[in-house]
PDB file of N, CA and C in Angstrom:
ATOM      1  N   MET A   1     -24.288 -10.749 -30.153  1.00  0.00           N
ATOM      2  CA  MET A   1     -23.038 -10.206 -29.711  1.00  0.00           C
ATOM      3  C   MET A   1     -22.062 -10.015 -30.842  1.00  0.00           C
ATOM      4  N   ASP A   2     -22.443 -10.458 -31.976  1.00  0.00           N
ATOM      5  CA  ASP A   2     -21.571 -10.361 -33.138  1.00  0.00           C
ATOM      6  C   ASP A   2     -22.067  -9.203 -33.996  1.00  0.00           C
ATOM      7  N   PHE A   3     -21.601  -8.003 -33.679  1.00  0.00           N
ATOM      8  CA  PHE A   3     -22.040  -6.810 -34.402  1.00  0.00           C
ATOM      9  C   PHE A   3     -20.893  -5.814 -34.473  1.00  0.00           C
ATOM     10  N   ASP A   4     -20.982  -4.914 -35.398  1.00  0.00           N
ATOM     11  CA  ASP A   4     -19.954  -3.904 -35.578  1.00  0.00           C
ATOM     12  C   ASP A   4     -19.793  -3.091 -34.300  1.00  0.00           C
ATOM     13  N   GLY A   5     -18.567  -2.991 -33.833  1.00  0.00           N
ATOM     14  CA  GLY A   5     -18.289  -2.230 -32.619  1.00  0.00           C
ATOM     15  C   GLY A   5     -18.441  -3.019 -31.332  1.00  0.00           C
ATOM     16  N   TRP A   6     -18.596  -4.341 -31.422  1.00  0.00           N
ATOM     17  CA  TRP A   6     -18.745  -5.159 -30.220  1.00  0.00           C
ATOM     18  C   TRP A   6     -17.530  -4.989 -29.323  1.00  0.00           C
ATOM     19  N   THR A   7     -17.741  -5.218 -28.026  1.00  0.00           N
ATOM     20  CA  THR A   7     -16.644  -5.177 -27.062  1.00  0.00           C
ATOM     21  C   THR A   7     -16.707  -6.417 -26.185  1.00  0.00           C
ATOM     22  N   GLU A   8     -15.627  -6.688 -25.487  1.00  0.00           N
ATOM     23  CA  GLU A   8     -15.646  -7.804 -24.541  1.00  0.00           C
ATOM     24  C   GLU A   8     -16.699  -7.563 -23.464  1.00  0.00           C
ATOM     25  N   ALA A   9     -16.924  -6.302 -23.097  1.00  0.00           N
ATOM     26  CA  ALA A   9     -17.952  -5.994 -22.095  1.00  0.00           C
ATOM     27  C   ALA A   9     -19.348  -6.371 -22.607  1.00  0.00           C
ATOM     28  N   ASP A  10     -19.603  -6.179 -23.905  1.00  0.00           N
ATOM     29  CA  ASP A  10     -20.879  -6.605 -24.486  1.00  0.00           C
ATOM     30  C   ASP A  10     -21.047  -8.117 -24.344  1.00  0.00           C
ATOM     31  N   CYS A  11     -19.986  -8.843 -24.644  1.00  0.00           N
ATOM     32  CA  CYS A  11     -20.030 -10.305 -24.550  1.00  0.00           C
ATOM     33  C   CYS A  11     -20.206 -10.747 -23.105  1.00  0.00           C
ATOM     34  N   GLU A  12     -19.509 -10.100 -22.199  1.00  0.00           N
ATOM     35  CA  GLU A  12     -19.627 -10.415 -20.764  1.00  0.00           C
ATOM     36  C   GLU A  12     -21.067 -10.197 -20.299  1.00  0.00           C
ATOM     37  N   LYS A  13     -21.625  -9.055 -20.629  1.00  0.00           N
ATOM     38  CA  LYS A  13     -22.996  -8.741 -20.215  1.00  0.00           C
ATOM     39  C   LYS A  13     -23.991  -9.731 -20.806  1.00  0.00           C
ATOM     40  N   GLY A  14     -23.881  -9.997 -22.092  1.00  0.00           N
ATOM     41  CA  GLY A  14     -24.807 -10.917 -22.742  1.00  0.00           C
ATOM     42  C   GLY A  14     -24.710 -12.331 -22.212  1.00  0.00           C
ATOM     43  N   ALA A  15     -23.485 -12.799 -21.987  1.00  0.00           N
ATOM     44  CA  ALA A  15     -23.299 -14.160 -21.464  1.00  0.00           C
ATOM     45  C   ALA A  15     -23.877 -14.280 -20.060  1.00  0.00           C
ATOM     46  N   ARG A  16     -23.571 -13.321 -19.214  1.00  0.00           N
ATOM     47  CA  ARG A  16     -24.097 -13.362 -17.841  1.00  0.00           C
ATOM     48  C   ARG A  16     -25.626 -13.310 -17.819  1.00  0.00           C
ATOM     49  N   GLU A  17     -26.204 -12.455 -18.646  1.00  0.00           N
ATOM     50  CA  GLU A  17     -27.671 -12.375 -18.695  1.00  0.00           C
ATOM     51  C   GLU A  17     -28.277 -13.697 -19.149  1.00  0.00           C
ATOM     52  N   ALA A  18     -27.680 -14.319 -20.147  1.00  0.00           N
ATOM     53  CA  ALA A  18     -28.199 -15.601 -20.646  1.00  0.00           C
ATOM     54  C   ALA A  18     -28.061 -16.694 -19.593  1.00  0.00           C
ATOM     55  N   ILE A  19     -26.919 -16.748 -18.935  1.00  0.00           N
ATOM     56  CA  ILE A  19     -26.702 -17.775 -17.905  1.00  0.00           C
ATOM     57  C   ILE A  19     -27.683 -17.584 -16.759  1.00  0.00           C
ATOM     58  N   GLU A  20     -27.826 -16.366 -16.284  1.00  0.00           N
ATOM     59  CA  GLU A  20     -28.726 -16.104 -15.152  1.00  0.00           C
ATOM     60  C   GLU A  20     -30.173 -16.413 -15.531  1.00  0.00           C
ATOM     61  N   ARG A  21     -30.544 -16.106 -16.757  1.00  0.00           N
ATOM     62  CA  ARG A  21     -31.911 -16.355 -17.230  1.00  0.00           C
ATOM     63  C   ARG A  21     -32.192 -17.861 -17.309  1.00  0.00           C
ATOM     64  N   CYS A  22     -31.183 -18.634 -17.697  1.00  0.00           N
ATOM     65  CA  CYS A  22     -31.365 -20.075 -17.874  1.00  0.00           C
ATOM     66  C   CYS A  22     -31.226 -20.860 -16.587  1.00  0.00           C
ATOM     67  N   GLY A  23     -30.644 -20.294 -15.571  1.00  0.00           N
ATOM     68  CA  GLY A  23     -30.415 -21.027 -14.342  1.00  0.00           C
ATOM     69  C   GLY A  23     -29.111 -21.791 -14.402  1.00  0.00           C
ATOM     70  N   ASN A  24     -28.922 -22.707 -13.482  1.00  0.00           N
ATOM     71  CA  ASN A  24     -27.626 -23.382 -13.376  1.00  0.00           C
ATOM     72  C   ASN A  24     -27.586 -24.756 -14.037  1.00  0.00           C
ATOM     73  N   LYS A  25     -28.542 -25.056 -14.889  1.00  0.00           N
ATOM     74  CA  LYS A  25     -28.534 -26.346 -15.575  1.00  0.00           C
ATOM     75  C   LYS A  25     -28.802 -26.153 -17.060  1.00  0.00           C
ATOM     76  N   TYR A  26     -28.165 -26.961 -17.850  1.00  0.00           N
ATOM     77  CA  TYR A  26     -28.479 -27.098 -19.266  1.00  0.00           C
ATOM     78  C   TYR A  26     -28.182 -25.875 -20.131  1.00  0.00           C
ATOM     79  N   PHE A  27     -27.259 -25.040 -19.755  1.00  0.00           N
ATOM     80  CA  PHE A  27     -26.903 -23.888 -20.576  1.00  0.00           C
ATOM     81  C   PHE A  27     -25.863 -24.318 -21.597  1.00  0.00           C
ATOM     82  N   ILE A  28     -26.211 -24.215 -22.865  1.00  0.00           N
ATOM     83  CA  ILE A  28     -25.282 -24.549 -23.948  1.00  0.00           C
ATOM     84  C   ILE A  28     -25.196 -23.331 -24.859  1.00  0.00           C
ATOM     85  N   PRO A  29     -24.119 -22.557 -24.728  1.00  0.00           N
ATOM     86  CA  PRO A  29     -24.007 -21.367 -25.581  1.00  0.00           C
ATOM     87  C   PRO A  29     -23.773 -21.766 -27.028  1.00  0.00           C
ATOM     88  N   CYS A  30     -24.546 -21.170 -27.916  1.00  0.00           N
ATOM     89  CA  CYS A  30     -24.385 -21.570 -29.308  1.00  0.00           C
ATOM     90  C   CYS A  30     -24.762 -20.488 -30.314  1.00  0.00           C
ATOM     91  N   ILE A  31     -25.163 -19.328 -29.865  1.00  0.00           N
ATOM     92  CA  ILE A  31     -25.607 -18.312 -30.808  1.00  0.00           C
ATOM     93  C   ILE A  31     -24.616 -17.158 -30.842  1.00  0.00           C
ATOM     94  N   THR A  32     -23.644 -17.276 -31.690  1.00  0.00           N
ATOM     95  CA  THR A  32     -22.696 -16.197 -31.954  1.00  0.00           C
ATOM     96  C   THR A  32     -21.889 -16.563 -33.170  1.00  0.00           C
ATOM     97  N   GLN A  33     -21.216 -15.633 -33.681  1.00  0.00           N
ATOM     98  CA  GLN A  33     -20.237 -15.909 -34.717  1.00  0.00           C
ATOM     99  C   GLN A  33     -18.883 -15.915 -34.015  1.00  0.00           C
ATOM    100  N   GLY A  34     -17.829 -15.639 -34.711  1.00  0.00           N
ATOM    101  CA  GLY A  34     -16.514 -15.560 -34.098  1.00  0.00           C
ATOM    102  C   GLY A  34     -15.586 -16.659 -34.539  1.00  0.00           C
ATOM    103  N   GLY A  35     -16.130 -17.717 -35.092  1.00  0.00           N
ATOM    104  CA  GLY A  35     -15.302 -18.797 -35.600  1.00  0.00           C
ATOM    105  C   GLY A  35     -14.968 -18.531 -37.060  1.00  0.00           C
ATOM    106  N   PRO A  36     -14.543 -19.544 -37.764  1.00  0.00           N
ATOM    107  CA  PRO A  36     -14.217 -19.363 -39.192  1.00  0.00           C
ATOM    108  C   PRO A  36     -15.412 -18.786 -39.950  1.00  0.00           C
ATOM    109  N   GLY A  37     -15.142 -17.839 -40.806  1.00  0.00           N
ATOM    110  CA  GLY A  37     -16.210 -17.225 -41.576  1.00  0.00           C
ATOM    111  C   GLY A  37     -16.979 -16.167 -40.812  1.00  0.00           C
ATOM    112  N   SER A  38     -16.529 -15.845 -39.632  1.00  0.00           N
ATOM    113  CA  SER A  38     -17.224 -14.879 -38.801  1.00  0.00           C
ATOM    114  C   SER A  38     -17.229 -13.492 -39.415  1.00  0.00           C
ATOM    115  N   LEU A  39     -18.259 -12.769 -39.129  1.00  0.00           N
ATOM    116  CA  LEU A  39     -18.293 -11.362 -39.508  1.00  0.00           C
ATOM    117  C   LEU A  39     -17.378 -10.552 -38.594  1.00  0.00           C
ATOM    118  N   TYR A  40     -17.300 -10.925 -37.341  1.00  0.00           N
ATOM    119  CA  TYR A  40     -16.517 -10.192 -36.350  1.00  0.00           C
ATOM    120  C   TYR A  40     -15.662 -11.165 -35.544  1.00  0.00           C
ATOM    121  N   PRO A  41     -14.469 -11.458 -36.016  1.00  0.00           N
ATOM    122  CA  PRO A  41     -13.599 -12.403 -35.325  1.00  0.00           C
ATOM    123  C   PRO A  41     -13.376 -12.005 -33.873  1.00  0.00           C
ATOM    124  N   GLY A  42     -13.365 -13.005 -33.024  1.00  0.00           N
ATOM    125  CA  GLY A  42     -13.076 -12.792 -31.613  1.00  0.00           C
ATOM    126  C   GLY A  42     -14.275 -12.865 -30.706  1.00  0.00           C
ATOM    127  N   THR A  43     -15.494 -12.796 -31.264  1.00  0.00           N
ATOM    128  CA  THR A  43     -16.661 -12.806 -30.393  1.00  0.00           C
ATOM    129  C   THR A  43     -16.821 -14.145 -29.675  1.00  0.00           C
ATOM    130  N   TYR A  44     -16.568 -15.235 -30.375  1.00  0.00           N
ATOM    131  CA  TYR A  44     -16.713 -16.552 -29.734  1.00  0.00           C
ATOM    132  C   TYR A  44     -15.772 -16.667 -28.537  1.00  0.00           C
ATOM    133  N   LYS A  45     -14.526 -16.274 -28.730  1.00  0.00           N
ATOM    134  CA  LYS A  45     -13.538 -16.357 -27.643  1.00  0.00           C
ATOM    135  C   LYS A  45     -13.922 -15.440 -26.484  1.00  0.00           C
ATOM    136  N   ALA A  46     -14.449 -14.269 -26.776  1.00  0.00           N
ATOM    137  CA  ALA A  46     -14.856 -13.347 -25.711  1.00  0.00           C
ATOM    138  C   ALA A  46     -15.999 -13.929 -24.888  1.00  0.00           C
ATOM    139  N   ILE A  47     -16.943 -14.587 -25.554  1.00  0.00           N
ATOM    140  CA  ILE A  47     -18.045 -15.221 -24.823  1.00  0.00           C
ATOM    141  C   ILE A  47     -17.527 -16.417 -24.030  1.00  0.00           C
ATOM    142  N   TRP A  48     -16.672 -17.203 -24.640  1.00  0.00           N
ATOM    143  CA  TRP A  48     -16.033 -18.350 -23.977  1.00  0.00           C
ATOM    144  C   TRP A  48     -15.379 -17.877 -22.680  1.00  0.00           C
ATOM    145  N   ASP A  49     -14.596 -16.795 -22.753  1.00  0.00           N
ATOM    146  CA  ASP A  49     -13.902 -16.268 -21.581  1.00  0.00           C
ATOM    147  C   ASP A  49     -14.881 -15.774 -20.521  1.00  0.00           C
ATOM    148  N   ALA A  50     -15.962 -15.120 -20.949  1.00  0.00           N
ATOM    149  CA  ALA A  50     -16.972 -14.627 -20.011  1.00  0.00           C
ATOM    150  C   ALA A  50     -17.628 -15.790 -19.272  1.00  0.00           C
ATOM    151  N   ILE A  51     -17.936 -16.849 -19.981  1.00  0.00           N
ATOM    152  CA  ILE A  51     -18.544 -18.029 -19.343  1.00  0.00           C
ATOM    153  C   ILE A  51     -17.553 -18.669 -18.377  1.00  0.00           C
ATOM    154  N   ASP A  52     -16.292 -18.735 -18.752  1.00  0.00           N
ATOM    155  CA  ASP A  52     -15.276 -19.258 -17.837  1.00  0.00           C
ATOM    156  C   ASP A  52     -15.197 -18.432 -16.556  1.00  0.00           C
ATOM    157  N   ARG A  53     -15.183 -17.103 -16.686  1.00  0.00           N
ATOM    158  CA  ARG A  53     -15.117 -16.246 -15.496  1.00  0.00           C
ATOM    159  C   ARG A  53     -16.333 -16.470 -14.603  1.00  0.00           C
ATOM    160  N   TYR A  54     -17.498 -16.598 -15.214  1.00  0.00           N
ATOM    161  CA  TYR A  54     -18.713 -16.851 -14.452  1.00  0.00           C
ATOM    162  C   TYR A  54     -18.597 -18.174 -13.690  1.00  0.00           C
ATOM    163  N   ASN A  55     -18.133 -19.215 -14.367  1.00  0.00           N
ATOM    164  CA  ASN A  55     -17.990 -20.523 -13.719  1.00  0.00           C
ATOM    165  C   ASN A  55     -16.997 -20.479 -12.564  1.00  0.00           C
ATOM    166  N   CYS A  56     -15.949 -19.703 -12.704  1.00  0.00           N
ATOM    167  CA  CYS A  56     -14.980 -19.562 -11.612  1.00  0.00           C
ATOM    168  C   CYS A  56     -15.606 -18.839 -10.424  1.00  0.00           C
ATOM    169  N   GLU A  57     -16.318 -17.764 -10.699  1.00  0.00           N
ATOM    170  CA  GLU A  57     -16.948 -16.985  -9.627  1.00  0.00           C
ATOM    171  C   GLU A  57     -18.072 -17.750  -8.942  1.00  0.00           C
ATOM    172  N   LYS A  58     -18.922 -18.366  -9.727  1.00  0.00           N
ATOM    173  CA  LYS A  58     -20.146 -18.970  -9.202  1.00  0.00           C
ATOM    174  C   LYS A  58     -19.936 -20.383  -8.647  1.00  0.00           C
ATOM    175  N   TYR A  59     -19.066 -21.151  -9.295  1.00  0.00           N
ATOM    176  CA  TYR A  59     -18.950 -22.563  -8.948  1.00  0.00           C
ATOM    177  C   TYR A  59     -17.576 -22.977  -8.434  1.00  0.00           C
ATOM    178  N   GLY A  60     -16.656 -22.019  -8.302  1.00  0.00           N
ATOM    179  CA  GLY A  60     -15.366 -22.322  -7.709  1.00  0.00           C
ATOM    180  C   GLY A  60     -14.362 -22.993  -8.637  1.00  0.00           C
ATOM    181  N   HIS A  61     -14.647 -23.034  -9.916  1.00  0.00           N
ATOM    182  CA  HIS A  61     -13.671 -23.578 -10.853  1.00  0.00           C
ATOM    183  C   HIS A  61     -12.470 -22.646 -10.914  1.00  0.00           C
ATOM    184  N   THR A  62     -11.369 -23.156 -11.413  1.00  0.00           N
ATOM    185  CA  THR A  62     -10.209 -22.310 -11.669  1.00  0.00           C
ATOM    186  C   THR A  62     -10.013 -22.217 -13.173  1.00  0.00           C
ATOM    187  N   MET A  63      -9.442 -21.111 -13.607  1.00  0.00           N
ATOM    188  CA  MET A  63      -9.181 -20.959 -15.042  1.00  0.00           C
ATOM    189  C   MET A  63      -8.256 -22.072 -15.520  1.00  0.00           C
ATOM    190  N   GLU A  64      -7.254 -22.393 -14.721  1.00  0.00           N
ATOM    191  CA  GLU A  64      -6.318 -23.459 -15.104  1.00  0.00           C
ATOM    192  C   GLU A  64      -7.044 -24.790 -15.236  1.00  0.00           C
ATOM    193  N   GLY A  65      -7.925 -25.087 -14.309  1.00  0.00           N
ATOM    194  CA  GLY A  65      -8.680 -26.333 -14.373  1.00  0.00           C
ATOM    195  C   GLY A  65      -9.568 -26.405 -15.595  1.00  0.00           C
ATOM    196  N   LEU A  66     -10.217 -25.293 -15.913  1.00  0.00           N
ATOM    197  CA  LEU A  66     -11.069 -25.262 -17.101  1.00  0.00           C
ATOM    198  C   LEU A  66     -10.248 -25.450 -18.368  1.00  0.00           C
ATOM    199  N   GLU A  67      -9.118 -24.765 -18.461  1.00  0.00           N
ATOM    200  CA  GLU A  67      -8.256 -24.882 -19.643  1.00  0.00           C
ATOM    201  C   GLU A  67      -7.712 -26.300 -19.799  1.00  0.00           C
ATOM    202  N   ASN A  68      -7.382 -26.942 -18.692  1.00  0.00           N
ATOM    203  CA  ASN A  68      -6.814 -28.291 -18.744  1.00  0.00           C
ATOM    204  C   ASN A  68      -7.849 -29.366 -19.044  1.00  0.00           C
ATOM    205  N   SER A  69      -9.138 -29.020 -18.965  1.00  0.00           N
ATOM    206  CA  SER A  69     -10.179 -30.032 -19.130  1.00  0.00           C
ATOM    207  C   SER A  69     -10.771 -30.087 -20.536  1.00  0.00           C
ATOM    208  N   ARG A  70     -10.232 -29.314 -21.459  1.00  0.00           N
ATOM    209  CA  ARG A  70     -10.798 -29.306 -22.810  1.00  0.00           C
ATOM    210  C   ARG A  70      -9.714 -29.078 -23.847  1.00  0.00           C
ATOM    211  N   GLU A  71     -10.116 -29.284 -25.078  1.00  0.00           N
ATOM    212  CA  GLU A  71      -9.215 -29.053 -26.204  1.00  0.00           C
ATOM    213  C   GLU A  71      -9.046 -27.550 -26.416  1.00  0.00           C
ATOM    214  N   PRO A  72      -7.940 -27.119 -26.962  1.00  0.00           N
ATOM    215  CA  PRO A  72      -7.761 -25.689 -27.256  1.00  0.00           C
ATOM    216  C   PRO A  72      -8.820 -25.186 -28.236  1.00  0.00           C
ATOM    217  N   ILE A  73      -9.157 -23.929 -28.131  1.00  0.00           N
ATOM    218  CA  ILE A  73     -10.209 -23.342 -28.966  1.00  0.00           C
ATOM    219  C   ILE A  73      -9.904 -23.496 -30.461  1.00  0.00           C
ATOM    220  N   ASN A  74      -8.642 -23.422 -30.861  1.00  0.00           N
ATOM    221  CA  ASN A  74      -8.324 -23.528 -32.285  1.00  0.00           C
ATOM    222  C   ASN A  74      -8.563 -24.929 -32.840  1.00  0.00           C
ATOM    223  N   ILE A  75      -8.570 -25.940 -31.998  1.00  0.00           N
ATOM    224  CA  ILE A  75      -8.868 -27.294 -32.443  1.00  0.00           C
ATOM    225  C   ILE A  75     -10.377 -27.465 -32.621  1.00  0.00           C
ATOM    226  N   MET A  76     -11.149 -26.748 -31.821  1.00  0.00           N
ATOM    227  CA  MET A  76     -12.600 -26.897 -31.875  1.00  0.00           C
ATOM    228  C   MET A  76     -13.179 -26.354 -33.168  1.00  0.00           C
ATOM    229  N   PHE A  77     -12.477 -25.492 -33.865  1.00  0.00           N
ATOM    230  CA  PHE A  77     -12.986 -24.936 -35.109  1.00  0.00           C
ATOM    231  C   PHE A  77     -12.264 -25.570 -36.240  1.00  0.00           C
TER     232      PHE A  77
END
């Protein structure tokens, strides 16, 4: 998902495909750039957001609940 011309829709599609392929257990997203030293800044956050939307739709989480349950993205890097 980290390529020239990437879009949030690319990240959304890729994240959903990976989650659906893996099932509802043990999915740990880890293959992208987007953090410090990234070739294409923003990809990590776009995938993060796509996974959050999926969790809200599929499992009833709220965006506020997800945000309140973890450290801010800038602290994680």
